[in-house]
Amino acid sequence: MAETFHRATAADEVPDGSATGLIVNGWPVLLARSEGKYLATIDRCPHAASELSTGRIRRGAVMCPLHGARFELATGKCIGGPYKPLMLFETRIIDDWIEIAVPDAAPGFEHMPVRQRA
């Protein structure tokens, strides 16, 4: 599947130890900064379909806010659970902007998170 880089956000908009949810070329993306590195994954838990960007970032991992599963941001691997790994997206910084490579094809239903109502 072909991928293209897209400008996502200014690099200084994502403080270290934090994450944000973005839509990049139609794809739900969790963009995190951990130990100075920008990491991007799909913003959807493979088990509960919840938005991971509303979860806590700690020690290079994101915790699903719905059921507590933890996923390594660098590899997408689930820590201590049987869930599928997260889809990863490549990042780069160009002129102080974070660019994220997402598939050129539109995301399918299986890629979209279920949003919780307040």
PDB file of N, CA and C in Angstrom:
ATOM      1  N   MET A   1       0.845  -1.164   0.000  1.00  0.00           N
ATOM      2  CA  MET A   1       0.000   0.000   0.000  1.00  0.00           C
ATOM      3  C   MET A   1       0.899   1.238   0.000  1.00  0.00           C
ATOM      4  N   ALA A   2       0.676   2.141  -0.937  1.00  0.00           N
ATOM      5  CA  ALA A   2       1.477   3.358  -1.036  1.00  0.00           C
ATOM      6  C   ALA A   2       1.149   4.314   0.096  1.00  0.00           C
ATOM      7  N   GLU A   3       2.173   5.024   0.551  1.00  0.00           N
ATOM      8  CA  GLU A   3       2.013   6.001   1.626  1.00  0.00           C
ATOM      9  C   GLU A   3       2.638   7.317   1.202  1.00  0.00           C
ATOM     10  N   THR A   4       2.076   8.411   1.732  1.00  0.00           N
ATOM     11  CA  THR A   4       2.580   9.743   1.451  1.00  0.00           C
ATOM     12  C   THR A   4       2.662  10.518   2.759  1.00  0.00           C
ATOM     13  N   PHE A   5       3.727  11.335   2.898  1.00  0.00           N
ATOM     14  CA  PHE A   5       3.850  12.202   4.067  1.00  0.00           C
ATOM     15  C   PHE A   5       2.906  13.389   3.931  1.00  0.00           C
ATOM     16  N   HIS A   6       2.290  13.750   5.071  1.00  0.00           N
ATOM     17  CA  HIS A   6       1.394  14.906   5.133  1.00  0.00           C
ATOM     18  C   HIS A   6       1.783  15.744   6.348  1.00  0.00           C
ATOM     19  N   ARG A   7       1.746  17.059   6.181  1.00  0.00           N
ATOM     20  CA  ARG A   7       2.018  17.966   7.294  1.00  0.00           C
ATOM     21  C   ARG A   7       0.901  17.812   8.316  1.00  0.00           C
ATOM     22  N   ALA A   8       1.285  17.570   9.591  1.00  0.00           N
ATOM     23  CA  ALA A   8       0.286  17.278  10.616  1.00  0.00           C
ATOM     24  C   ALA A   8       0.138  18.400  11.635  1.00  0.00           C
ATOM     25  N   THR A   9       1.251  18.828  12.241  1.00  0.00           N
ATOM     26  CA  THR A   9       1.195  19.863  13.274  1.00  0.00           C
ATOM     27  C   THR A   9       2.599  20.421  13.492  1.00  0.00           C
ATOM     28  N   ALA A  10       2.662  21.576  14.113  1.00  0.00           N
ATOM     29  CA  ALA A  10       3.957  22.160  14.455  1.00  0.00           C
ATOM     30  C   ALA A  10       4.622  21.304  15.531  1.00  0.00           C
ATOM     31  N   ALA A  11       5.927  21.139  15.431  1.00  0.00           N
ATOM     32  CA  ALA A  11       6.664  20.278  16.363  1.00  0.00           C
ATOM     33  C   ALA A  11       6.519  20.743  17.806  1.00  0.00           C
ATOM     34  N   ASP A  12       6.436  22.042  18.047  1.00  0.00           N
ATOM     35  CA  ASP A  12       6.342  22.529  19.424  1.00  0.00           C
ATOM     36  C   ASP A  12       4.938  22.405  20.011  1.00  0.00           C
ATOM     37  N   GLU A  13       3.983  21.884  19.252  1.00  0.00           N
ATOM     38  CA  GLU A  13       2.612  21.688  19.741  1.00  0.00           C
ATOM     39  C   GLU A  13       2.454  20.384  20.536  1.00  0.00           C
ATOM     40  N   VAL A  14       3.481  19.522  20.493  1.00  0.00           N
ATOM     41  CA  VAL A  14       3.400  18.231  21.188  1.00  0.00           C
ATOM     42  C   VAL A  14       4.522  18.167  22.222  1.00  0.00           C
ATOM     43  N   PRO A  15       4.209  18.516  23.477  1.00  0.00           N
ATOM     44  CA  PRO A  15       5.236  18.464  24.527  1.00  0.00           C
ATOM     45  C   PRO A  15       5.667  17.021  24.819  1.00  0.00           C
ATOM     46  N   ASP A  16       6.878  16.877  25.331  1.00  0.00           N
ATOM     47  CA  ASP A  16       7.377  15.550  25.671  1.00  0.00           C
ATOM     48  C   ASP A  16       6.465  14.904  26.722  1.00  0.00           C
ATOM     49  N   GLY A  17       6.172  13.623  26.537  1.00  0.00           N
ATOM     50  CA  GLY A  17       5.314  12.883  27.456  1.00  0.00           C
ATOM     51  C   GLY A  17       3.831  13.068  27.195  1.00  0.00           C
ATOM     52  N   SER A  18       3.502  13.624  26.039  1.00  0.00           N
ATOM     53  CA  SER A  18       2.088  13.844  25.735  1.00  0.00           C
ATOM     54  C   SER A  18       1.719  13.229  24.390  1.00  0.00           C
ATOM     55  N   ALA A  19       0.426  13.227  24.120  1.00  0.00           N
ATOM     56  CA  ALA A  19      -0.080  12.709  22.852  1.00  0.00           C
ATOM     57  C   ALA A  19      -1.271  13.542  22.418  1.00  0.00           C
ATOM     58  N   THR A  20      -1.552  13.495  21.141  1.00  0.00           N
ATOM     59  CA  THR A  20      -2.712  14.180  20.600  1.00  0.00           C
ATOM     60  C   THR A  20      -3.316  13.321  19.497  1.00  0.00           C
ATOM     61  N   GLY A  21      -4.592  13.450  19.308  1.00  0.00           N
ATOM     62  CA  GLY A  21      -5.273  12.746  18.236  1.00  0.00           C
ATOM     63  C   GLY A  21      -5.445  13.672  17.048  1.00  0.00           C
ATOM     64  N   LEU A  22      -5.108  13.182  15.868  1.00  0.00           N
ATOM     65  CA  LEU A  22      -5.197  13.966  14.638  1.00  0.00           C
ATOM     66  C   LEU A  22      -5.893  13.147  13.559  1.00  0.00           C
ATOM     67  N   ILE A  23      -6.425  13.828  12.572  1.00  0.00           N
ATOM     68  CA  ILE A  23      -6.881  13.179  11.346  1.00  0.00           C
ATOM     69  C   ILE A  23      -5.916  13.613  10.256  1.00  0.00           C
ATOM     70  N   VAL A  24      -5.227  12.651   9.669  1.00  0.00           N
ATOM     71  CA  VAL A  24      -4.228  12.925   8.633  1.00  0.00           C
ATOM     72  C   VAL A  24      -4.653  12.200   7.370  1.00  0.00           C
ATOM     73  N   ASN A  25      -5.031  12.962   6.361  1.00  0.00           N
ATOM     74  CA  ASN A  25      -5.520  12.404   5.097  1.00  0.00           C
ATOM     75  C   ASN A  25      -6.638  11.384   5.332  1.00  0.00           C
ATOM     76  N   GLY A  26      -7.504  11.685   6.311  1.00  0.00           N
ATOM     77  CA  GLY A  26      -8.632  10.817   6.621  1.00  0.00           C
ATOM     78  C   GLY A  26      -8.351   9.743   7.655  1.00  0.00           C
ATOM     79  N   TRP A  27      -7.090   9.537   8.005  1.00  0.00           N
ATOM     80  CA  TRP A  27      -6.700   8.482   8.943  1.00  0.00           C
ATOM     81  C   TRP A  27      -6.663   9.009  10.381  1.00  0.00           C
ATOM     82  N   PRO A  28      -7.201   8.250  11.351  1.00  0.00           N
ATOM     83  CA  PRO A  28      -7.092   8.636  12.752  1.00  0.00           C
ATOM     84  C   PRO A  28      -5.692   8.289  13.268  1.00  0.00           C
ATOM     85  N   VAL A  29      -4.972   9.311  13.719  1.00  0.00           N
ATOM     86  CA  VAL A  29      -3.574   9.138  14.113  1.00  0.00           C
ATOM     87  C   VAL A  29      -3.376   9.614  15.539  1.00  0.00           C
ATOM     88  N   LEU A  30      -2.690   8.805  16.333  1.00  0.00           N
ATOM     89  CA  LEU A  30      -2.204   9.217  17.638  1.00  0.00           C
ATOM     90  C   LEU A  30      -0.764   9.654  17.431  1.00  0.00           C
ATOM     91  N   LEU A  31      -0.471  10.909  17.712  1.00  0.00           N
ATOM     92  CA  LEU A  31       0.886  11.425  17.621  1.00  0.00           C
ATOM     93  C   LEU A  31       1.371  11.683  19.034  1.00  0.00           C
ATOM     94  N   ALA A  32       2.454  11.024  19.415  1.00  0.00           N
ATOM     95  CA  ALA A  32       3.006  11.161  20.763  1.00  0.00           C
ATOM     96  C   ALA A  32       4.450  11.609  20.677  1.00  0.00           C
ATOM     97  N   ARG A  33       4.877  12.223  21.762  1.00  0.00           N
ATOM     98  CA  ARG A  33       6.295  12.553  21.902  1.00  0.00           C
ATOM     99  C   ARG A  33       6.753  11.897  23.190  1.00  0.00           C
ATOM    100  N   SER A  34       7.720  11.007  23.051  1.00  0.00           N
ATOM    101  CA  SER A  34       8.233  10.262  24.192  1.00  0.00           C
ATOM    102  C   SER A  34       9.752  10.280  24.143  1.00  0.00           C
ATOM    103  N   GLU A  35      10.363  10.817  25.194  1.00  0.00           N
ATOM    104  CA  GLU A  35      11.815  10.930  25.284  1.00  0.00           C
ATOM    105  C   GLU A  35      12.392  11.643  24.073  1.00  0.00           C
ATOM    106  N   GLY A  36      11.688  12.693  23.627  1.00  0.00           N
ATOM    107  CA  GLY A  36      12.149  13.518  22.521  1.00  0.00           C
ATOM    108  C   GLY A  36      11.835  12.990  21.130  1.00  0.00           C
ATOM    109  N   LYS A  37      11.309  11.776  21.032  1.00  0.00           N
ATOM    110  CA  LYS A  37      10.998  11.188  19.726  1.00  0.00           C
ATOM    111  C   LYS A  37       9.510  11.351  19.432  1.00  0.00           C
ATOM    112  N   TYR A  38       9.202  11.662  18.181  1.00  0.00           N
ATOM    113  CA  TYR A  38       7.813  11.733  17.735  1.00  0.00           C
ATOM    114  C   TYR A  38       7.424  10.374  17.159  1.00  0.00           C
ATOM    115  N   LEU A  39       6.335   9.821  17.672  1.00  0.00           N
ATOM    116  CA  LEU A  39       5.877   8.495  17.277  1.00  0.00           C
ATOM    117  C   LEU A  39       4.409   8.586  16.897  1.00  0.00           C
ATOM    118  N   ALA A  40       4.045   7.895  15.823  1.00  0.00           N
ATOM    119  CA  ALA A  40       2.659   7.943  15.366  1.00  0.00           C
ATOM    120  C   ALA A  40       2.128   6.532  15.161  1.00  0.00           C
ATOM    121  N   THR A  41       0.921   6.305  15.675  1.00  0.00           N
ATOM    122  CA  THR A  41       0.228   5.027  15.513  1.00  0.00           C
ATOM    123  C   THR A  41      -1.207   5.324  15.109  1.00  0.00           C
ATOM    124  N   ILE A  42      -1.917   4.280  14.763  1.00  0.00           N
ATOM    125  CA  ILE A  42      -3.351   4.449  14.538  1.00  0.00           C
ATOM    126  C   ILE A  42      -3.995   4.804  15.873  1.00  0.00           C
ATOM    127  N   ASP A  43      -4.975   5.676  15.834  1.00  0.00           N
ATOM    128  CA  ASP A  43      -5.642   6.123  17.059  1.00  0.00           C
ATOM    129  C   ASP A  43      -6.865   5.256  17.325  1.00  0.00           C
ATOM    130  N   ARG A  44      -6.613   3.946  17.430  1.00  0.00           N
ATOM    131  CA  ARG A  44      -7.709   2.997  17.639  1.00  0.00           C
ATOM    132  C   ARG A  44      -7.168   1.760  18.336  1.00  0.00           C
ATOM    133  N   CYS A  45      -7.736   1.437  19.467  1.00  0.00           N
ATOM    134  CA  CYS A  45      -7.346   0.226  20.170  1.00  0.00           C
ATOM    135  C   CYS A  45      -7.816  -0.983  19.362  1.00  0.00           C
ATOM    136  N   PRO A  46      -6.941  -1.971  19.114  1.00  0.00           N
ATOM    137  CA  PRO A  46      -7.349  -3.137  18.334  1.00  0.00           C
ATOM    138  C   PRO A  46      -8.332  -4.050  19.062  1.00  0.00           C
ATOM    139  N   HIS A  47      -8.478  -3.871  20.365  1.00  0.00           N
ATOM    140  CA  HIS A  47      -9.406  -4.694  21.133  1.00  0.00           C
ATOM    141  C   HIS A  47     -10.761  -4.010  21.298  1.00  0.00           C
ATOM    142  N   ALA A  48     -10.750  -2.762  21.787  1.00  0.00           N
ATOM    143  CA  ALA A  48     -11.995  -2.092  22.142  1.00  0.00           C
ATOM    144  C   ALA A  48     -12.398  -0.986  21.176  1.00  0.00           C
ATOM    145  N   ALA A  49     -11.579  -0.703  20.184  1.00  0.00           N
ATOM    146  CA  ALA A  49     -11.842   0.322  19.161  1.00  0.00           C
ATOM    147  C   ALA A  49     -11.927   1.733  19.722  1.00  0.00           C
ATOM    148  N   SER A  50     -11.480   1.952  20.956  1.00  0.00           N
ATOM    149  CA  SER A  50     -11.533   3.290  21.542  1.00  0.00           C
ATOM    150  C   SER A  50     -10.364   4.141  21.045  1.00  0.00           C
ATOM    151  N   GLU A  51     -10.503   5.455  21.225  1.00  0.00           N
ATOM    152  CA  GLU A  51      -9.437   6.382  20.850  1.00  0.00           C
ATOM    153  C   GLU A  51      -8.300   6.288  21.860  1.00  0.00           C
ATOM    154  N   LEU A  52      -7.142   5.883  21.399  1.00  0.00           N
ATOM    155  CA  LEU A  52      -5.991   5.779  22.295  1.00  0.00           C
ATOM    156  C   LEU A  52      -5.443   7.145  22.684  1.00  0.00           C
ATOM    157  N   SER A  53      -5.695   8.153  21.873  1.00  0.00           N
ATOM    158  CA  SER A  53      -5.161   9.492  22.153  1.00  0.00           C
ATOM    159  C   SER A  53      -5.726  10.093  23.433  1.00  0.00           C
ATOM    160  N   THR A  54      -6.808   9.530  23.961  1.00  0.00           N
ATOM    161  CA  THR A  54      -7.348  10.008  25.233  1.00  0.00           C
ATOM    162  C   THR A  54      -6.766   9.222  26.415  1.00  0.00           C
ATOM    163  N   GLY A  55      -5.883   8.275  26.104  1.00  0.00           N
ATOM    164  CA  GLY A  55      -5.232   7.485  27.147  1.00  0.00           C
ATOM    165  C   GLY A  55      -3.967   8.141  27.655  1.00  0.00           C
ATOM    166  N   ARG A  56      -3.386   7.542  28.668  1.00  0.00           N
ATOM    167  CA  ARG A  56      -2.188   8.083  29.308  1.00  0.00           C
ATOM    168  C   ARG A  56      -0.921   7.563  28.627  1.00  0.00           C
ATOM    169  N   ILE A  57       0.054   8.455  28.458  1.00  0.00           N
ATOM    170  CA  ILE A  57       1.360   8.094  27.912  1.00  0.00           C
ATOM    171  C   ILE A  57       2.319   7.969  29.089  1.00  0.00           C
ATOM    172  N   ARG A  58       2.998   6.816  29.146  1.00  0.00           N
ATOM    173  CA  ARG A  58       3.929   6.588  30.253  1.00  0.00           C
ATOM    174  C   ARG A  58       4.983   5.583  29.826  1.00  0.00           C
ATOM    175  N   ARG A  59       6.249   5.928  30.070  1.00  0.00           N
ATOM    176  CA  ARG A  59       7.388   5.039  29.780  1.00  0.00           C
ATOM    177  C   ARG A  59       7.343   4.475  28.361  1.00  0.00           C
ATOM    178  N   GLY A  60       7.056   5.341  27.393  1.00  0.00           N
ATOM    179  CA  GLY A  60       7.078   4.924  25.995  1.00  0.00           C
ATOM    180  C   GLY A  60       5.900   4.089  25.553  1.00  0.00           C
ATOM    181  N   ALA A  61       4.822   4.099  26.348  1.00  0.00           N
ATOM    182  CA  ALA A  61       3.638   3.305  26.006  1.00  0.00           C
ATOM    183  C   ALA A  61       2.373   4.144  26.190  1.00  0.00           C
ATOM    184  N   VAL A  62       1.321   3.748  25.489  1.00  0.00           N
ATOM    185  CA  VAL A  62       0.011   4.376  25.654  1.00  0.00           C
ATOM    186  C   VAL A  62      -0.924   3.342  26.265  1.00  0.00           C
ATOM    187  N   MET A  63      -1.775   3.820  27.181  1.00  0.00           N
ATOM    188  CA  MET A  63      -2.732   2.937  27.836  1.00  0.00           C
ATOM    189  C   MET A  63      -4.120   3.211  27.273  1.00  0.00           C
ATOM    190  N   CYS A  64      -4.815   2.156  26.877  1.00  0.00           N
ATOM    191  CA  CYS A  64      -6.180   2.299  26.386  1.00  0.00           C
ATOM    192  C   CYS A  64      -7.037   2.844  27.527  1.00  0.00           C
ATOM    193  N   PRO A  65      -7.759   3.953  27.297  1.00  0.00           N
ATOM    194  CA  PRO A  65      -8.561   4.532  28.371  1.00  0.00           C
ATOM    195  C   PRO A  65      -9.801   3.701  28.710  1.00  0.00           C
ATOM    196  N   LEU A  66     -10.161   2.773  27.849  1.00  0.00           N
ATOM    197  CA  LEU A  66     -11.365   1.992  28.068  1.00  0.00           C
ATOM    198  C   LEU A  66     -11.122   0.732  28.899  1.00  0.00           C
ATOM    199  N   HIS A  67     -10.029   0.013  28.604  1.00  0.00           N
ATOM    200  CA  HIS A  67      -9.826  -1.247  29.325  1.00  0.00           C
ATOM    201  C   HIS A  67      -8.405  -1.454  29.848  1.00  0.00           C
ATOM    202  N   GLY A  68      -7.520  -0.475  29.666  1.00  0.00           N
ATOM    203  CA  GLY A  68      -6.216  -0.507  30.310  1.00  0.00           C
ATOM    204  C   GLY A  68      -5.100  -1.242  29.596  1.00  0.00           C
ATOM    205  N   ALA A  69      -5.338  -1.792  28.419  1.00  0.00           N
ATOM    206  CA  ALA A  69      -4.242  -2.451  27.699  1.00  0.00           C
ATOM    207  C   ALA A  69      -3.182  -1.409  27.353  1.00  0.00           C
ATOM    208  N   ARG A  70      -1.907  -1.816  27.418  1.00  0.00           N
ATOM    209  CA  ARG A  70      -0.804  -0.896  27.106  1.00  0.00           C
ATOM    210  C   ARG A  70      -0.120  -1.329  25.821  1.00  0.00           C
ATOM    211  N   PHE A  71       0.258  -0.343  25.014  1.00  0.00           N
ATOM    212  CA  PHE A  71       0.913  -0.587  23.739  1.00  0.00           C
ATOM    213  C   PHE A  71       2.180   0.246  23.651  1.00  0.00           C
ATOM    214  N   GLU A  72       3.295  -0.412  23.260  1.00  0.00           N
ATOM    215  CA  GLU A  72       4.553   0.300  23.049  1.00  0.00           C
ATOM    216  C   GLU A  72       4.388   1.225  21.851  1.00  0.00           C
ATOM    217  N   LEU A  73       4.743   2.495  22.016  1.00  0.00           N
ATOM    218  CA  LEU A  73       4.598   3.452  20.930  1.00  0.00           C
ATOM    219  C   LEU A  73       5.594   3.200  19.796  1.00  0.00           C
ATOM    220  N   ALA A  74       6.782   2.727  20.120  1.00  0.00           N
ATOM    221  CA  ALA A  74       7.817   2.521  19.102  1.00  0.00           C
ATOM    222  C   ALA A  74       7.558   1.298  18.228  1.00  0.00           C
ATOM    223  N   THR A  75       6.918   0.261  18.787  1.00  0.00           N
ATOM    224  CA  THR A  75       6.725  -0.987  18.043  1.00  0.00           C
ATOM    225  C   THR A  75       5.260  -1.316  17.770  1.00  0.00           C
ATOM    226  N   GLY A  76       4.357  -0.705  18.537  1.00  0.00           N
ATOM    227  CA  GLY A  76       2.934  -1.019  18.423  1.00  0.00           C
ATOM    228  C   GLY A  76       2.533  -2.257  19.198  1.00  0.00           C
ATOM    229  N   LYS A  77       3.492  -2.978  19.752  1.00  0.00           N
ATOM    230  CA  LYS A  77       3.241  -4.242  20.458  1.00  0.00           C
ATOM    231  C   LYS A  77       2.446  -4.025  21.742  1.00  0.00           C
ATOM    232  N   CYS A  78       1.499  -4.925  21.997  1.00  0.00           N
ATOM    233  CA  CYS A  78       0.737  -4.898  23.239  1.00  0.00           C
ATOM    234  C   CYS A  78       1.618  -5.461  24.350  1.00  0.00           C
ATOM    235  N   ILE A  79       1.680  -4.743  25.468  1.00  0.00           N
ATOM    236  CA  ILE A  79       2.491  -5.154  26.613  1.00  0.00           C
ATOM    237  C   ILE A  79       1.594  -5.940  27.563  1.00  0.00           C
ATOM    238  N   GLY A  80       1.874  -7.201  27.725  1.00  0.00           N
ATOM    239  CA  GLY A  80       1.147  -8.017  28.693  1.00  0.00           C
ATOM    240  C   GLY A  80      -0.268  -8.363  28.301  1.00  0.00           C
ATOM    241  N   GLY A  81      -0.543  -8.448  27.034  1.00  0.00           N
ATOM    242  CA  GLY A  81      -1.890  -8.801  26.598  1.00  0.00           C
ATOM    243  C   GLY A  81      -1.882  -9.481  25.248  1.00  0.00           C
ATOM    244  N   PRO A  82      -2.989 -10.097  24.880  1.00  0.00           N
ATOM    245  CA  PRO A  82      -3.045 -10.869  23.640  1.00  0.00           C
ATOM    246  C   PRO A  82      -3.519 -10.085  22.416  1.00  0.00           C
ATOM    247  N   TYR A  83      -3.529  -8.758  22.491  1.00  0.00           N
ATOM    248  CA  TYR A  83      -4.119  -7.968  21.415  1.00  0.00           C
ATOM    249  C   TYR A  83      -3.151  -7.736  20.267  1.00  0.00           C
ATOM    250  N   LYS A  84      -3.721  -7.520  19.093  1.00  0.00           N
ATOM    251  CA  LYS A  84      -2.924  -7.247  17.897  1.00  0.00           C
ATOM    252  C   LYS A  84      -2.109  -5.976  18.093  1.00  0.00           C
ATOM    253  N   PRO A  85      -0.961  -5.884  17.429  1.00  0.00           N
ATOM    254  CA  PRO A  85      -0.169  -4.656  17.527  1.00  0.00           C
ATOM    255  C   PRO A  85      -0.851  -3.506  16.782  1.00  0.00           C
ATOM    256  N   LEU A  86      -0.466  -2.297  17.162  1.00  0.00           N
ATOM    257  CA  LEU A  86      -0.990  -1.103  16.513  1.00  0.00           C
ATOM    258  C   LEU A  86      -0.324  -0.884  15.167  1.00  0.00           C
ATOM    259  N   MET A  87      -1.058  -0.321  14.233  1.00  0.00           N
ATOM    260  CA  MET A  87      -0.492   0.109  12.953  1.00  0.00           C
ATOM    261  C   MET A  87       0.378   1.332  13.241  1.00  0.00           C
ATOM    262  N   LEU A  88       1.606   1.335  12.725  1.00  0.00           N
ATOM    263  CA  LEU A  88       2.543   2.434  12.935  1.00  0.00           C
ATOM    264  C   LEU A  88       2.637   3.301  11.690  1.00  0.00           C
ATOM    265  N   PHE A  89       2.915   4.586  11.902  1.00  0.00           N
ATOM    266  CA  PHE A  89       3.123   5.520  10.799  1.00  0.00           C
ATOM    267  C   PHE A  89       4.478   6.196  10.981  1.00  0.00           C
ATOM    268  N   GLU A  90       5.203   6.358   9.904  1.00  0.00           N
ATOM    269  CA  GLU A  90       6.502   7.013   9.943  1.00  0.00           C
ATOM    270  C   GLU A  90       6.318   8.514  10.137  1.00  0.00           C
ATOM    271  N   THR A  91       7.236   9.128  10.902  1.00  0.00           N
ATOM    272  CA  THR A  91       7.208  10.574  11.110  1.00  0.00           C
ATOM    273  C   THR A  91       8.531  11.184  10.664  1.00  0.00           C
ATOM    274  N   ARG A  92       8.475  12.469  10.373  1.00  0.00           N
ATOM    275  CA  ARG A  92       9.688  13.231  10.101  1.00  0.00           C
ATOM    276  C   ARG A  92       9.388  14.697  10.419  1.00  0.00           C
ATOM    277  N   ILE A  93      10.449  15.476  10.610  1.00  0.00           N
ATOM    278  CA  ILE A  93      10.292  16.898  10.878  1.00  0.00           C
ATOM    279  C   ILE A  93      10.917  17.668   9.719  1.00  0.00           C
ATOM    280  N   ILE A  94      10.117  18.536   9.127  1.00  0.00           N
ATOM    281  CA  ILE A  94      10.554  19.402   8.029  1.00  0.00           C
ATOM    282  C   ILE A  94      10.176  20.833   8.412  1.00  0.00           C
ATOM    283  N   ASP A  95      11.166  21.703   8.516  1.00  0.00           N
ATOM    284  CA  ASP A  95      10.926  23.117   8.840  1.00  0.00           C
ATOM    285  C   ASP A  95      10.064  23.285  10.084  1.00  0.00           C
ATOM    286  N   ASP A  96      10.378  22.555  11.144  1.00  0.00           N
ATOM    287  CA  ASP A  96       9.671  22.617  12.437  1.00  0.00           C
ATOM    288  C   ASP A  96       8.231  22.127  12.373  1.00  0.00           C
ATOM    289  N   TRP A  97       7.881  21.393  11.347  1.00  0.00           N
ATOM    290  CA  TRP A  97       6.556  20.765  11.226  1.00  0.00           C
ATOM    291  C   TRP A  97       6.718  19.250  11.248  1.00  0.00           C
ATOM    292  N   ILE A  98       5.815  18.593  11.952  1.00  0.00           N
ATOM    293  CA  ILE A  98       5.808  17.127  11.961  1.00  0.00           C
ATOM    294  C   ILE A  98       4.992  16.673  10.766  1.00  0.00           C
ATOM    295  N   GLU A  99       5.589  15.800   9.983  1.00  0.00           N
ATOM    296  CA  GLU A  99       4.896  15.180   8.857  1.00  0.00           C
ATOM    297  C   GLU A  99       4.741  13.700   9.164  1.00  0.00           C
ATOM    298  N   ILE A 100       3.586  13.161   8.794  1.00  0.00           N
ATOM    299  CA  ILE A 100       3.270  11.762   9.069  1.00  0.00           C
ATOM    300  C   ILE A 100       2.899  11.083   7.758  1.00  0.00           C
ATOM    301  N   ALA A 101       3.487   9.904   7.529  1.00  0.00           N
ATOM    302  CA  ALA A 101       3.182   9.125   6.327  1.00  0.00           C
ATOM    303  C   ALA A 101       2.021   8.189   6.623  1.00  0.00           C
ATOM    304  N   VAL A 102       0.920   8.382   5.912  1.00  0.00           N
ATOM    305  CA  VAL A 102      -0.244   7.507   6.052  1.00  0.00           C
ATOM    306  C   VAL A 102      -0.563   6.926   4.685  1.00  0.00           C
ATOM    307  N   PRO A 103      -1.298   5.814   4.653  1.00  0.00           N
ATOM    308  CA  PRO A 103      -1.661   5.219   3.364  1.00  0.00           C
ATOM    309  C   PRO A 103      -2.438   6.201   2.487  1.00  0.00           C
ATOM    310  N   ASP A 104      -2.201   6.094   1.199  1.00  0.00           N
ATOM    311  CA  ASP A 104      -2.926   6.940   0.241  1.00  0.00           C
ATOM    312  C   ASP A 104      -4.386   6.521   0.147  1.00  0.00           C
ATOM    313  N   ALA A 105      -4.661   5.228   0.349  1.00  0.00           N
ATOM    314  CA  ALA A 105      -6.040   4.723   0.305  1.00  0.00           C
ATOM    315  C   ALA A 105      -6.796   5.217   1.541  1.00  0.00           C
ATOM    316  N   ALA A 106      -8.074   5.410   1.394  1.00  0.00           N
ATOM    317  CA  ALA A 106      -8.913   5.846   2.516  1.00  0.00           C
ATOM    318  C   ALA A 106      -8.968   4.744   3.577  1.00  0.00           C
ATOM    319  N   PRO A 107      -9.065   5.137   4.844  1.00  0.00           N
ATOM    320  CA  PRO A 107      -9.179   4.126   5.906  1.00  0.00           C
ATOM    321  C   PRO A 107     -10.518   3.414   5.817  1.00  0.00           C
ATOM    322  N   GLY A 108     -10.526   2.165   6.244  1.00  0.00           N
ATOM    323  CA  GLY A 108     -11.761   1.393   6.294  1.00  0.00           C
ATOM    324  C   GLY A 108     -12.420   1.515   7.651  1.00  0.00           C
ATOM    325  N   PHE A 109     -13.583   0.946   7.773  1.00  0.00           N
ATOM    326  CA  PHE A 109     -14.309   0.961   9.041  1.00  0.00           C
ATOM    327  C   PHE A 109     -13.459   0.379  10.163  1.00  0.00           C
ATOM    328  N   GLU A 110     -12.663  -0.644   9.858  1.00  0.00           N
ATOM    329  CA  GLU A 110     -11.835  -1.315  10.865  1.00  0.00           C
ATOM    330  C   GLU A 110     -10.696  -0.435  11.384  1.00  0.00           C
ATOM    331  N   HIS A 111     -10.491   0.729  10.779  1.00  0.00           N
ATOM    332  CA  HIS A 111      -9.443   1.654  11.218  1.00  0.00           C
ATOM    333  C   HIS A 111      -9.986   2.814  12.051  1.00  0.00           C
ATOM    334  N   MET A 112     -11.289   2.972  12.071  1.00  0.00           N
ATOM    335  CA  MET A 112     -11.895   4.133  12.731  1.00  0.00           C
ATOM    336  C   MET A 112     -12.234   3.823  14.193  1.00  0.00           C
ATOM    337  N   PRO A 113     -11.882   4.743  15.102  1.00  0.00           N
ATOM    338  CA  PRO A 113     -12.200   4.524  16.519  1.00  0.00           C
ATOM    339  C   PRO A 113     -13.663   4.808  16.806  1.00  0.00           C
ATOM    340  N   VAL A 114     -14.122   4.244  17.905  1.00  0.00           N
ATOM    341  CA  VAL A 114     -15.451   4.538  18.423  1.00  0.00           C
ATOM    342  C   VAL A 114     -15.267   5.633  19.452  1.00  0.00           C
ATOM    343  N   ARG A 115     -15.936   6.727  19.273  1.00  0.00           N
ATOM    344  CA  ARG A 115     -15.794   7.856  20.198  1.00  0.00           C
ATOM    345  C   ARG A 115     -16.787   7.713  21.335  1.00  0.00           C
ATOM    346  N   GLN A 116     -16.307   7.939  22.536  1.00  0.00           N
ATOM    347  CA  GLN A 116     -17.151   7.871  23.715  1.00  0.00           C
ATOM    348  C   GLN A 116     -17.844   9.205  23.929  1.00  0.00           C
ATOM    349  N   ARG A 117     -19.096   9.171  24.279  1.00  0.00           N
ATOM    350  CA  ARG A 117     -19.837  10.412  24.569  1.00  0.00           C
ATOM    351  C   ARG A 117     -19.649  10.775  26.029  1.00  0.00           C
ATOM    352  N   ALA A 118     -19.578  12.074  26.263  1.00  0.00           N
ATOM    353  CA  ALA A 118     -19.397  12.560  27.648  1.00  0.00           C
ATOM    354  C   ALA A 118     -20.716  12.565  28.398  1.00  0.00           C
TER     355      ALA A 118
END
